[in-house]
Protein backbone atom coordinates (compact mmCIF):
# COMPACT_ATOMS: atom_id res chain seq x y z
CA MET A 1 12.20 1.71 -0.54
CA TYR A 2 8.87 1.05 1.14
CA VAL A 3 9.36 0.29 4.84
CA ASP A 4 11.73 -2.68 4.53
CA ASP A 5 11.07 -3.57 0.88
CA LEU A 6 13.24 -2.47 -1.99
CA ILE A 7 11.43 -2.61 -5.31
CA SER A 8 13.47 -1.98 -8.39
CA GLY A 9 14.15 -3.13 -11.90
CA GLN A 10 16.90 -3.07 -14.46
CA PRO A 11 16.92 -3.25 -18.26
CA THR A 12 19.28 -6.26 -18.39
CA VAL A 13 19.94 -9.34 -16.27
CA SER A 14 23.60 -8.35 -15.77
CA LYS A 15 22.60 -4.93 -14.42
CA ALA A 16 20.04 -6.60 -12.16
CA LYS A 17 22.77 -8.92 -10.81
CA GLN A 18 24.94 -5.87 -10.08
CA LEU A 19 22.02 -4.23 -8.27
CA LYS A 20 21.44 -7.40 -6.24
CA GLU A 21 25.10 -7.62 -5.22
CA LYS A 22 25.20 -3.94 -4.29
CA ALA A 23 21.98 -4.21 -2.26
CA ILE A 24 23.32 -7.23 -0.36
CA GLU A 25 26.53 -5.33 0.35
CA ILE A 26 24.74 -2.16 1.53
CA PHE A 27 22.40 -4.12 3.79
CA LYS A 28 25.36 -6.10 5.18
CA ASP A 29 27.27 -2.86 5.95
CA ALA A 30 24.22 -1.67 7.89
CA ILE A 31 24.18 -5.01 9.77
CA PHE A 32 21.00 -6.18 8.08
CA THR A 33 20.82 -9.55 6.42
CA LEU A 34 19.02 -9.47 3.12
CA HIS A 35 17.17 -12.76 3.38
CA LYS A 36 14.47 -12.42 0.74
CA TRP A 37 15.07 -11.72 -2.89
CA HIS A 38 12.45 -12.14 -5.57
CA SER A 39 12.80 -11.71 -9.29
CA ASN A 40 10.95 -12.70 -12.41
CA GLU A 41 14.37 -13.81 -13.70
CA PRO A 42 15.05 -17.27 -12.18
CA GLY A 43 18.84 -16.83 -12.44
CA LEU A 44 18.71 -14.00 -9.90
CA GLU A 45 17.01 -16.05 -7.20
CA ASP A 46 19.46 -18.94 -6.80
CA ALA A 47 21.85 -17.42 -4.24
CA LEU A 48 19.40 -16.65 -1.44
CA LYS A 49 17.38 -19.71 -0.45
CA PRO A 50 15.39 -19.56 2.79
CA THR A 51 17.13 -21.02 5.83
CA SER A 52 15.42 -22.71 8.75
CA GLU A 53 15.58 -19.34 10.56
CA ASP A 54 13.49 -17.76 7.77
CA VAL A 55 10.65 -20.27 8.14
CA THR A 56 7.89 -18.49 10.01
CA TYR A 57 5.13 -20.02 12.10
CA ALA A 58 2.64 -19.41 9.28
CA LYS A 59 4.88 -21.10 6.70
CA GLN A 60 5.32 -24.10 9.02
CA HIS A 61 1.57 -24.55 9.42
CA PHE A 62 0.22 -23.45 6.07
CA GLY A 63 3.11 -24.47 3.85
CA PRO A 64 5.19 -22.39 1.48
CA VAL A 65 3.71 -20.10 -1.14
CA ASN A 66 3.43 -21.65 -4.60
CA GLU A 67 6.61 -21.53 -6.66
CA GLY A 68 6.48 -18.49 -8.89
CA GLN A 69 4.24 -16.67 -6.41
CA CYS A 70 5.26 -14.22 -3.72
CA SER A 71 4.14 -11.01 -2.10
CA LEU A 72 5.11 -7.50 -3.19
CA LEU A 73 4.02 -4.72 -0.80
CA GLY A 74 1.52 -7.20 0.59
CA LEU A 75 -0.02 -7.86 -2.83
CA PRO A 76 0.14 -11.21 -4.66
CA TRP A 77 2.85 -11.15 -7.34
CA ASN A 78 3.00 -13.88 -9.98
CA LYS A 79 6.67 -13.78 -10.96
CA SER A 80 6.34 -15.99 -14.03
CA ALA A 81 3.56 -13.83 -15.52
CA ASP A 82 4.99 -10.68 -13.86
CA THR A 83 1.57 -9.55 -12.65
CA ILE A 84 0.51 -7.89 -9.40
CA SER A 85 -3.03 -8.47 -8.14
CA VAL A 86 -5.39 -6.82 -5.71
CA VAL A 87 -7.77 -9.14 -3.88
CA ILE A 88 -11.26 -7.73 -3.45
CA PRO A 89 -13.34 -9.37 -0.70
CA THR A 90 -16.48 -11.09 -1.94
CA GLU A 91 -18.68 -10.89 1.18
CA ALA A 92 -21.45 -8.33 0.89
CA ALA A 93 -21.24 -5.14 2.91
CA LYS A 94 -23.74 -4.50 5.65
CA THR A 95 -26.10 -1.80 4.43
CA THR A 96 -25.02 0.72 7.04
CA LYS A 97 -22.48 3.55 7.09
CA ARG A 98 -20.13 1.32 9.13
CA GLY A 99 -20.59 -1.63 6.76
CA THR A 100 -19.85 0.53 3.72
CA LEU A 101 -16.62 1.82 5.26
CA GLN A 102 -15.63 -1.69 6.40
CA LYS A 103 -16.02 -3.05 2.87
CA LEU A 104 -13.94 -0.19 1.50
CA ALA A 105 -11.23 -0.65 4.14
CA LYS A 106 -10.87 -4.36 3.32
CA ILE A 107 -9.56 -3.55 -0.15
CA TYR A 108 -5.80 -3.34 0.36
CA ASP A 109 -4.31 -1.37 -2.53
CA PRO A 110 -1.12 0.50 -1.52
CA LEU A 111 -0.26 1.26 -5.15
CA GLY A 112 -3.71 2.62 -6.06
CA LEU A 113 -4.19 0.02 -8.81
CA VAL A 114 -7.93 -0.18 -8.25
CA SER A 115 -8.53 3.47 -7.36
CA PRO A 116 -11.19 3.89 -10.08
CA ILE A 117 -13.13 1.06 -8.43
CA THR A 118 -12.69 2.24 -4.82
CA LEU A 119 -13.46 5.85 -5.78
CA GLN A 120 -17.00 4.83 -6.68
CA CYS A 121 -17.57 3.48 -3.17
CA LYS A 122 -15.87 6.50 -1.61
CA LEU A 123 -18.37 8.72 -3.40
CA ILE A 124 -21.24 6.58 -2.08
CA TYR A 125 -19.75 6.84 1.41
CA LEU A 126 -19.48 10.62 1.00
CA GLN A 127 -23.19 10.81 0.15
CA ILE A 128 -23.98 8.74 3.25
CA CYS A 129 -21.91 11.13 5.39
CA LEU A 130 -23.57 14.20 3.86
CA LYS A 131 -26.97 12.76 4.80
CA LYS A 132 -25.68 12.51 8.40
CA ILE A 133 -26.77 8.88 8.67
CA GLY A 134 -25.74 7.14 11.92
CA TRP A 135 -23.04 4.46 11.92
CA ASP A 136 -25.40 1.54 12.41
CA THR A 137 -28.56 3.00 10.89
CA GLU A 138 -29.89 1.06 7.91
CA LEU A 139 -29.31 2.96 4.65
CA ASP A 140 -32.29 4.22 2.71
CA GLU A 141 -33.35 2.36 -0.44
CA ALA A 142 -31.50 4.67 -2.86
CA MET A 143 -28.19 4.28 -1.00
CA ARG A 144 -28.68 0.50 -0.66
CA ASP A 145 -29.25 0.29 -4.41
CA LYS A 146 -26.10 2.31 -5.19
CA LEU A 147 -24.03 0.15 -2.84
CA ALA A 148 -25.51 -3.06 -4.28
CA ARG A 149 -24.80 -1.93 -7.86
CA TRP A 150 -21.20 -1.11 -6.93
CA GLU A 151 -20.73 -4.51 -5.26
CA THR A 152 -22.35 -6.36 -8.18
CA ASN A 153 -19.83 -4.84 -10.59
CA LEU A 154 -16.81 -5.65 -8.41
CA PRO A 155 -14.32 -8.13 -9.81
CA SER A 156 -13.14 -10.71 -7.26
CA TYR A 157 -9.49 -10.37 -8.29
CA VAL A 158 -7.79 -7.59 -10.19
């Protein structure tokens, strides 16, 4: 369990169906309605279709997510390919201590999938802190170069 998300898997479809039924029952006993269920096995998704009560303001205005796509812990999950992605922002960081930390904070990765990538920037940020540079002071040329190299090597989508 992660907050209100249950993430699990089973070796067979029949065991996954049993897990689904048990989860629905447990949530119902606790007076919670399990209203979202995602699986990369289409046969497990048929029972719980969204009702009009499940349609949020965002879904009304921006439309539903593409079929086969959903969110898992806030990360894009392609159910048909069974892949989870981390979106890395493409805008360049301001060359200040604050800008470096802002860029780092925009990479949402609760599972640590891109930790090797973010670690590089954390080390750059550490060097900035050790130099006792002010939050909005322009970085020196060496730090700007390190930050620029890190950003140049960033993938846009992992």
